[in-house]
Amino acid sequence: MSTEFALPALKENVEMVEVNALKVAIGDIVVKDQPLMEVQADKAALEVPSPVSGKVTKILVRAGDQIKIGQLYIALEVSESTSQSEKSKPLQVAPKSETLSPAGMNPSAPPKQALVRSLPPEGRLGGTVVASPGVRRLARDMGIDLSLVATQSGTNRVNEDDLKAFVKQIVTGGGAGSGPVVPNLPRFEDHGSIERMPLNAIRRTTAKHMALCWSQIPHVTQNDLADITDLEAFRKSQDSKRPKITVTAFVLKALAVALNEFPQFNSSLDLTNSQIVLKKYVHIGVAVETEGGLLVPVLRDVDKKSVVQLATEVNGIAERARAKKLSSTELTGGTFTLTNLGGIGGTGFTPIVNWPEVAILGLSRGRVEFVAIDNKPVPRLMMPLSLSFDHRVVDGAQAARFLRRIVGLLEDHTNNILHS
């Protein structure tokens, strides 16, 4: 007998995934828990295990498809010898009430007739939200993210009263769900031909998280220039060695030194408890451009590694990101973020702080400029640096000193810190 199976919930707060690759074909014999396909959930790649042992009779999705949790995706012929305990019923999806996104978009529902679905769970209070199955079911039916309720209540333990208080604030126009409602878009097709392209899993998560970052953090950007003439000469002298050392690896090393000396840049702001959380570890996220969108895998314990080790890790993690092979662990735990546009161009930009971090460093393309040395114009390779920071935690003078420290480390080619 052939049975169709629905995609189960793979990760909290994820309702839609993108199929990266199919791992089976029609006619294949599979065993329970064998991977059937790989999907992109948020920014991490996950494998979907087979619910039972059997024979693949039908595949209802293709690579590149975006599918919802609860959607039928495969049919398996379950043999009579399969134990009853191994059999799994297709997931029945209950109809959901309409919800508003954080941006307020739901043209079919007027304001305050729907509830707010929260942003992705990077950060918040930290840790897993504890709630009873009944509270979780009620929150899911209403389209409420419990992590947002926890943020409002100030504790990771959420009960039914917390949930009701959160809903009451939303429907009365206050609390975390309040804010301007985005108006409906005009009919662009009235003015000419258009094409609609669905947001993939990475782009959806990026859009929500960037909206969160921009809305929560008062951004300020400090710009500076680093003379990397000598550093670049040293870097090129190492080209015969493997792995290839990039400017990113040197900047990571300089960042680690500066973060240990300026710990407020390696922190998070906890408004609930009126505290600044100083982290005793240095885990730096490195922005990676992929076909699907921007990913920020995290390098751990950067302050304990050499430039060569960092270069190796950066190359490896970037390859896994582009191949959609990053695990959820590799995308979490960052304390600071580095983004490098030097390979493309530009003279500076304003990177958005990756909440709940408090600062991010952006690099632009180095270019030769004439610098006065001993009252004579000398051509030097100058690299623009752009430091965006949370002005609630960091003052402008602190940001200037932090950035000057990084510049000093990059410019001092005799400093063994960057060559270790």
Protein backbone atom coordinates (compact mmCIF):
# COMPACT_ATOMS: atom_id res chain seq x y z
CA MET A 1 0.00 0.00 0.00
CA SER A 2 1.36 3.39 -1.01
CA THR A 3 1.01 6.22 1.50
CA GLU A 4 1.72 9.88 0.95
CA PHE A 5 3.59 11.69 3.72
CA ALA A 6 3.58 15.34 4.73
CA LEU A 7 6.63 17.38 5.62
CA PRO A 8 6.98 17.43 9.42
CA ALA A 9 8.06 20.43 11.49
CA LEU A 10 11.85 20.48 11.26
CA LYS A 11 12.69 23.57 13.29
CA GLU A 12 10.79 25.89 15.59
CA ASN A 13 9.28 28.95 13.89
CA VAL A 14 9.98 27.60 10.37
CA GLU A 15 6.86 27.21 8.25
CA MET A 16 8.37 26.96 4.77
CA VAL A 17 11.58 25.42 3.44
CA GLU A 18 13.32 25.21 0.09
CA VAL A 19 14.34 21.86 -1.39
CA ASN A 20 18.10 21.83 -1.89
CA ALA A 21 18.43 18.27 -3.19
CA LEU A 22 16.59 14.96 -3.41
CA LYS A 23 18.49 11.99 -2.00
CA VAL A 24 16.25 9.22 -3.33
CA ALA A 25 14.56 8.29 -6.61
CA ILE A 26 11.36 6.46 -7.50
CA GLY A 27 11.85 2.75 -6.93
CA ASP A 28 14.47 3.13 -4.19
CA ILE A 29 14.12 1.03 -1.04
CA VAL A 30 14.58 3.14 2.07
CA VAL A 31 14.74 2.43 5.78
CA LYS A 32 13.26 4.45 8.60
CA ASP A 33 15.23 7.68 9.34
CA GLN A 34 17.18 7.46 6.07
CA PRO A 35 17.56 10.97 4.58
CA LEU A 36 15.04 11.52 1.78
CA MET A 37 15.97 15.08 0.85
CA GLU A 38 17.91 18.11 2.01
CA VAL A 39 16.07 21.37 2.60
CA GLN A 40 17.02 24.94 3.47
CA ALA A 41 15.29 25.99 6.69
CA ASP A 42 16.05 29.61 7.63
CA LYS A 43 19.75 29.72 6.77
CA ALA A 44 20.70 26.16 7.71
CA ALA A 45 20.54 23.00 5.61
CA LEU A 46 18.58 20.14 7.19
CA GLU A 47 17.93 16.55 6.16
CA VAL A 48 14.40 15.17 6.09
CA PRO A 49 14.38 11.58 7.40
CA SER A 50 12.11 8.85 6.12
CA PRO A 51 9.18 8.33 8.51
CA VAL A 52 9.05 4.59 7.76
CA SER A 53 10.81 1.84 5.86
CA GLY A 54 9.47 1.15 2.41
CA LYS A 55 9.73 1.73 -1.33
CA VAL A 56 9.59 5.17 -2.95
CA THR A 57 6.60 5.21 -5.31
CA LYS A 58 6.15 8.93 -5.89
CA ILE A 59 8.14 12.13 -5.32
CA LEU A 60 5.91 15.18 -5.16
CA VAL A 61 8.56 17.91 -5.04
CA ARG A 62 11.61 18.98 -7.03
CA ALA A 63 14.92 20.65 -6.18
CA GLY A 64 14.30 24.37 -5.89
CA ASP A 65 10.67 24.03 -4.79
CA GLN A 66 9.48 25.94 -1.75
CA ILE A 67 7.21 23.76 0.37
CA LYS A 68 5.23 24.38 3.52
CA ILE A 69 5.27 22.32 6.68
CA GLY A 70 2.39 19.87 6.30
CA GLN A 71 2.62 19.69 2.51
CA LEU A 72 2.72 16.22 0.94
CA TYR A 73 6.16 15.56 -0.49
CA ILE A 74 6.64 11.81 -0.98
CA ALA A 75 4.75 8.53 -1.28
CA LEU A 76 6.12 5.29 0.14
CA GLU A 77 4.90 1.73 -0.26
CA VAL A 78 5.02 0.31 3.24
CA SER A 79 5.50 -3.46 3.34
CA GLU A 80 3.23 -5.59 5.49
CA SER A 81 6.26 -6.70 7.47
CA THR A 82 6.83 -3.19 8.71
CA SER A 83 5.99 -3.09 12.38
CA GLN A 84 2.93 -1.14 13.42
CA SER A 85 5.03 1.04 15.70
CA GLU A 86 7.15 2.17 12.77
CA LYS A 87 4.21 3.31 10.69
CA SER A 88 3.48 7.00 10.68
CA LYS A 89 0.26 8.73 9.70
CA PRO A 90 0.37 11.59 7.25
CA LEU A 91 0.42 14.93 9.03
CA GLN A 92 -2.97 16.61 9.16
CA VAL A 93 -2.56 20.34 8.89
CA ALA A 94 -5.06 22.43 10.82
CA PRO A 95 -6.13 25.66 9.15
CA LYS A 96 -4.29 28.64 10.55
CA SER A 97 -5.68 31.99 11.43
CA GLU A 98 -4.37 34.82 9.33
CA THR A 99 -1.31 36.56 10.71
CA LEU A 100 0.51 39.77 10.19
CA SER A 101 4.23 39.87 9.60
CA PRO A 102 6.39 42.30 11.62
CA ALA A 103 6.10 44.67 8.66
CA GLY A 104 2.32 44.41 8.98
CA MET A 105 1.61 42.97 5.56
CA ASN A 106 -1.63 41.08 5.18
CA PRO A 107 -3.81 42.93 2.71
CA SER A 108 -6.71 40.54 3.28
CA ALA A 109 -7.01 41.30 6.98
CA PRO A 110 -7.61 44.75 8.48
CA PRO A 111 -5.34 45.96 11.32
CA LYS A 112 -5.95 44.34 14.72
CA GLN A 113 -7.99 41.48 13.30
CA ALA A 114 -4.85 39.35 13.17
CA LEU A 115 -1.91 38.73 15.43
CA VAL A 116 1.77 39.34 14.91
CA ARG A 117 4.26 36.67 13.99
CA SER A 118 7.68 37.48 15.39
CA LEU A 119 11.10 37.72 13.86
CA PRO A 120 13.73 34.94 13.73
CA PRO A 121 15.08 33.60 17.03
CA GLU A 122 18.67 34.86 16.84
CA GLY A 123 19.38 36.18 20.30
CA ARG A 124 16.30 37.41 22.19
CA LEU A 125 16.58 36.40 25.84
CA GLY A 126 18.86 33.49 24.97
CA GLY A 127 18.09 29.82 25.57
CA THR A 128 14.99 27.76 24.78
CA VAL A 129 11.54 29.02 25.67
CA VAL A 130 9.87 26.71 28.22
CA ALA A 131 6.11 26.27 27.76
CA SER A 132 3.53 23.54 28.19
CA PRO A 133 2.21 21.70 25.12
CA GLY A 134 -1.14 23.45 25.55
CA VAL A 135 0.45 26.90 25.54
CA ARG A 136 2.56 26.03 22.51
CA ARG A 137 -0.51 24.75 20.64
CA LEU A 138 -2.49 27.88 21.50
CA ALA A 139 0.38 30.14 20.40
CA ARG A 140 0.78 28.20 17.16
CA ASP A 141 -2.93 28.45 16.34
CA MET A 142 -2.83 32.21 16.86
CA GLY A 143 0.40 32.67 14.91
CA ILE A 144 2.32 33.92 17.96
CA ASP A 145 6.04 33.26 18.41
CA LEU A 146 6.67 32.34 22.06
CA SER A 147 10.15 33.84 21.94
CA LEU A 148 8.59 37.26 21.48
CA VAL A 149 6.26 36.62 24.42
CA ALA A 150 9.29 35.65 26.50
CA THR A 151 11.06 38.87 25.56
CA GLN A 152 8.07 40.91 26.74
CA SER A 153 7.57 38.95 29.97
CA GLY A 154 11.29 38.96 30.80
CA THR A 155 11.57 35.21 31.38
CA ASN A 156 12.10 32.12 29.25
CA ARG A 157 9.20 30.40 31.05
CA VAL A 158 5.94 31.31 29.35
CA ASN A 159 2.53 30.37 30.72
CA GLU A 160 -1.00 30.96 29.43
CA ASP A 161 -1.35 34.24 31.35
CA ASP A 162 1.83 35.57 29.69
CA LEU A 163 0.43 34.65 26.29
CA LYS A 164 -2.93 36.29 27.00
CA ALA A 165 -1.24 39.48 28.23
CA PHE A 166 0.86 39.57 25.06
CA VAL A 167 -2.22 39.15 22.84
CA LYS A 168 -4.11 41.82 24.77
CA GLN A 169 -1.33 44.34 24.18
CA ILE A 170 -1.36 43.57 20.47
CA VAL A 171 -5.11 43.88 19.93
CA THR A 172 -5.25 47.11 21.95
CA GLY A 173 -2.47 48.66 19.89
CA GLY A 174 0.43 48.40 22.33
CA GLY A 175 3.38 46.11 23.04
CA ALA A 176 5.76 44.31 20.73
CA GLY A 177 3.20 43.94 17.98
CA SER A 178 2.36 47.62 17.64
CA GLY A 179 3.68 49.83 14.93
CA PRO A 180 2.71 51.21 11.56
CA VAL A 181 0.93 48.91 9.15
CA VAL A 182 2.49 48.79 5.70
CA PRO A 183 -0.10 49.84 3.10
CA ASN A 184 -1.00 47.62 0.18
CA LEU A 185 1.26 47.92 -2.85
CA PRO A 186 -0.11 49.66 -5.95
CA ARG A 187 -1.01 47.58 -9.00
CA PHE A 188 2.30 47.69 -10.85
CA GLU A 189 0.85 45.62 -13.69
CA ASP A 190 -1.38 48.57 -14.61
CA HIS A 191 1.73 50.37 -15.85
CA GLY A 192 3.48 47.56 -17.69
CA SER A 193 4.55 43.92 -17.51
CA ILE A 194 5.96 42.58 -14.25
CA GLU A 195 7.41 39.36 -12.91
CA ARG A 196 6.97 38.08 -9.36
CA MET A 197 9.79 36.09 -7.82
CA PRO A 198 9.17 34.23 -4.55
CA LEU A 199 11.51 34.89 -1.64
CA ASN A 200 13.66 31.85 -0.94
CA ALA A 201 14.28 30.59 2.59
CA ILE A 202 17.50 32.58 3.07
CA ARG A 203 16.05 35.81 1.70
CA ARG A 204 12.92 35.53 3.88
CA THR A 205 15.02 35.09 7.01
CA THR A 206 17.38 37.88 6.00
CA ALA A 207 14.50 40.28 5.36
CA LYS A 208 12.94 39.63 8.76
CA HIS A 209 16.22 39.76 10.65
CA MET A 210 17.39 42.96 8.95
CA ALA A 211 14.08 44.61 9.83
CA LEU A 212 14.60 43.54 13.43
CA CYS A 213 18.18 44.82 13.51
CA TRP A 214 17.31 48.19 12.00
CA SER A 215 14.26 48.71 14.23
CA GLN A 216 15.99 47.72 17.48
CA ILE A 217 19.41 49.38 17.19
CA PRO A 218 20.21 53.10 16.90
CA HIS A 219 22.98 52.85 14.31
CA VAL A 220 26.04 55.07 14.01
CA THR A 221 28.90 54.42 11.56
CA GLN A 222 32.52 55.44 12.09
CA ASN A 223 34.79 55.43 9.02
CA ASP A 224 38.57 55.25 8.80
CA LEU A 225 41.42 54.27 6.45
CA ALA A 226 44.14 51.69 7.01
CA ASP A 227 47.45 51.79 5.16
CA ILE A 228 47.84 48.13 4.18
CA THR A 229 50.75 48.60 1.76
CA ASP A 230 53.21 46.62 3.85
CA LEU A 231 50.60 44.09 4.96
CA GLU A 232 49.63 43.42 1.34
CA ALA A 233 53.30 42.95 0.38
CA PHE A 234 53.71 40.44 3.20
CA ARG A 235 50.47 38.68 2.24
CA LYS A 236 51.56 38.30 -1.39
CA SER A 237 54.91 36.93 -0.27
CA GLN A 238 52.96 34.06 1.29
CA ASP A 239 51.09 33.19 -1.92
CA SER A 240 53.25 30.15 -2.52
CA LYS A 241 52.03 28.71 0.77
CA ARG A 242 48.76 26.92 1.35
CA PRO A 243 46.17 27.86 2.28
CA LYS A 244 46.03 31.22 0.57
CA ILE A 245 45.91 33.97 3.17
CA THR A 246 43.42 36.74 2.44
CA VAL A 247 43.09 40.20 3.96
CA THR A 248 40.02 38.88 5.80
CA ALA A 249 42.19 36.52 7.86
CA PHE A 250 44.47 39.37 8.97
CA VAL A 251 41.50 41.58 9.85
CA LEU A 252 39.96 38.75 11.88
CA LYS A 253 43.17 38.45 13.87
CA ALA A 254 43.30 42.21 14.44
CA LEU A 255 39.64 42.20 15.45
CA ALA A 256 40.22 39.47 18.02
CA VAL A 257 43.00 41.51 19.63
CA ALA A 258 40.88 44.67 19.67
CA LEU A 259 37.80 42.90 21.03
CA ASN A 260 39.77 41.60 24.00
CA GLU A 261 41.03 45.13 24.68
CA PHE A 262 37.61 46.77 24.14
CA PRO A 263 35.16 44.21 25.62
CA GLN A 264 32.10 46.46 25.19
CA PHE A 265 32.25 45.69 21.46
CA ASN A 266 31.97 41.98 22.31
CA SER A 267 28.73 42.34 24.22
CA SER A 268 24.93 42.44 23.99
CA LEU A 269 22.43 44.82 25.55
CA ASP A 270 19.90 43.27 27.94
CA LEU A 271 17.26 45.97 28.43
CA THR A 272 15.01 43.64 30.42
CA ASN A 273 17.55 43.42 33.24
CA SER A 274 19.28 46.77 32.55
CA GLN A 275 22.60 45.05 31.88
CA ILE A 276 25.34 44.80 29.30
CA VAL A 277 26.29 41.16 28.74
CA LEU A 278 30.06 40.91 28.23
CA LYS A 279 31.10 37.69 26.48
CA LYS A 280 34.34 36.02 27.48
CA TYR A 281 34.67 34.32 24.10
CA VAL A 282 35.37 35.77 20.66
CA HIS A 283 33.19 34.19 17.98
CA ILE A 284 33.16 36.30 14.81
CA GLY A 285 30.60 35.92 12.03
CA VAL A 286 31.87 36.39 8.48
CA ALA A 287 29.33 37.45 5.85
CA VAL A 288 29.36 35.16 2.80
CA GLU A 289 27.56 35.88 -0.45
CA THR A 290 25.74 32.85 -1.90
CA GLU A 291 23.35 32.32 -4.80
CA GLY A 292 20.45 32.20 -2.37
CA GLY A 293 21.45 35.28 -0.39
CA LEU A 294 23.67 36.39 2.46
CA LEU A 295 24.82 33.90 5.11
CA VAL A 296 26.88 34.69 8.21
CA PRO A 297 28.69 31.56 9.43
CA VAL A 298 30.55 31.95 12.72
CA LEU A 299 34.24 31.28 13.39
CA ARG A 300 34.73 30.27 17.01
CA ASP A 301 37.54 31.28 19.40
CA VAL A 302 39.14 33.57 16.84
CA ASP A 303 41.46 35.02 19.50
CA LYS A 304 43.03 31.60 20.05
CA LYS A 305 43.90 30.90 16.39
CA SER A 306 46.68 31.94 14.04
CA VAL A 307 46.22 33.81 10.79
CA VAL A 308 46.89 30.59 8.85
CA GLN A 309 44.27 28.71 10.88
CA LEU A 310 41.76 31.50 10.33
CA ALA A 311 42.46 31.56 6.59
CA THR A 312 41.82 27.81 6.42
CA GLU A 313 38.58 28.08 8.39
CA VAL A 314 37.30 31.04 6.38
CA ASN A 315 37.88 29.19 3.11
CA GLY A 316 36.21 26.04 4.42
CA ILE A 317 33.17 27.69 5.95
CA ALA A 318 32.62 29.87 2.86
CA GLU A 319 32.66 26.76 0.63
CA ARG A 320 30.13 25.02 2.87
CA ALA A 321 27.92 28.12 2.85
CA ARG A 322 27.86 28.28 -0.95
CA ALA A 323 27.19 24.53 -1.11
CA LYS A 324 24.32 24.89 1.40
CA LYS A 325 26.09 22.57 3.82
CA LEU A 326 26.14 24.76 6.91
CA SER A 327 24.71 23.37 10.13
CA SER A 328 22.55 25.42 12.50
CA THR A 329 25.43 25.49 14.99
CA GLU A 330 27.69 27.21 12.46
CA LEU A 331 25.17 30.04 12.11
CA THR A 332 24.73 30.88 15.78
CA GLY A 333 26.75 32.16 18.71
CA GLY A 334 28.48 35.11 17.05
CA THR A 335 29.66 38.04 19.18
CA PHE A 336 30.75 40.36 16.34
CA THR A 337 30.40 40.37 12.55
CA LEU A 338 32.81 41.13 9.70
CA THR A 339 31.64 41.88 6.16
CA ASN A 340 34.04 42.43 3.28
CA LEU A 341 33.01 44.09 0.01
CA GLY A 342 36.59 44.74 -1.06
CA GLY A 343 36.41 42.18 -3.82
CA ILE A 344 33.60 44.13 -5.45
CA GLY A 345 34.46 47.77 -4.84
CA GLY A 346 33.16 50.85 -3.10
CA THR A 347 34.71 53.51 -0.90
CA GLY A 348 32.63 52.82 2.21
CA PHE A 349 29.17 51.77 3.36
CA THR A 350 26.96 51.46 6.45
CA PRO A 351 26.72 47.80 7.50
CA ILE A 352 23.72 46.91 9.68
CA VAL A 353 24.56 45.61 13.15
CA ASN A 354 23.66 41.93 13.47
CA TRP A 355 21.37 41.96 16.53
CA PRO A 356 21.87 40.98 19.36
CA GLU A 357 25.48 42.01 18.73
CA VAL A 358 26.43 45.66 19.19
CA ALA A 359 28.87 46.28 16.33
CA ILE A 360 29.90 45.19 12.84
CA LEU A 361 32.97 46.01 10.74
CA GLY A 362 32.77 46.52 6.99
CA LEU A 363 35.73 46.49 4.59
CA SER A 364 35.81 48.17 1.19
CA ARG A 365 38.27 47.90 -1.70
CA GLY A 366 41.75 49.24 -1.07
CA ARG A 367 43.04 51.82 -3.53
CA VAL A 368 46.30 53.64 -4.06
CA GLU A 369 46.33 57.16 -2.66
CA PHE A 370 49.14 59.65 -2.24
CA VAL A 371 49.98 60.11 1.42
CA ALA A 372 52.33 62.75 2.79
CA ILE A 373 55.41 61.09 4.31
CA ASP A 374 58.29 63.39 5.30
CA ASN A 375 56.45 66.14 3.45
CA LYS A 376 56.55 64.16 0.21
CA PRO A 377 53.59 62.51 -1.57
CA VAL A 378 54.06 58.73 -1.45
CA PRO A 379 51.67 56.23 -3.09
CA ARG A 380 50.16 53.92 -0.45
CA LEU A 381 47.46 51.26 -0.59
CA MET A 382 44.64 52.51 1.65
CA MET A 383 41.71 50.32 2.72
CA PRO A 384 38.43 51.92 3.94
CA LEU A 385 36.92 50.52 7.14
CA SER A 386 33.34 51.19 8.27
CA LEU A 387 32.36 50.38 11.86
CA SER A 388 28.64 50.48 12.65
CA PHE A 389 27.74 50.28 16.32
CA ASP A 390 24.86 50.43 18.80
CA HIS A 391 25.02 53.91 20.29
CA ARG A 392 23.18 52.72 23.41
CA VAL A 393 26.20 50.62 24.35
CA VAL A 394 29.11 52.33 22.60
CA ASP A 395 29.99 56.03 22.52
CA GLY A 396 31.51 57.68 19.47
CA ALA A 397 34.90 58.21 21.14
CA GLN A 398 35.08 54.52 22.07
CA ALA A 399 34.23 53.54 18.51
CA ALA A 400 36.94 55.82 17.12
CA ARG A 401 39.56 54.35 19.49
CA PHE A 402 38.47 50.78 18.72
CA LEU A 403 38.73 51.40 14.98
CA ARG A 404 42.07 53.17 15.34
CA ARG A 405 43.39 50.15 17.26
CA ILE A 406 42.42 47.87 14.37
CA VAL A 407 44.01 50.27 11.89
CA GLY A 408 47.19 50.37 13.97
CA LEU A 409 47.43 46.58 14.04
CA LEU A 410 46.98 46.35 10.28
CA GLU A 411 49.54 49.09 9.60
CA ASP A 412 52.27 47.79 11.90
CA HIS A 413 53.82 45.16 9.65
CA THR A 414 56.50 44.47 12.26
CA ASN A 415 53.86 43.40 14.77
CA ASN A 416 54.10 39.67 15.28
CA ILE A 417 50.48 39.51 16.42
CA LEU A 418 49.23 39.38 12.84
CA HIS A 419 51.98 37.07 11.63
CA SER A 420 51.48 34.40 14.27
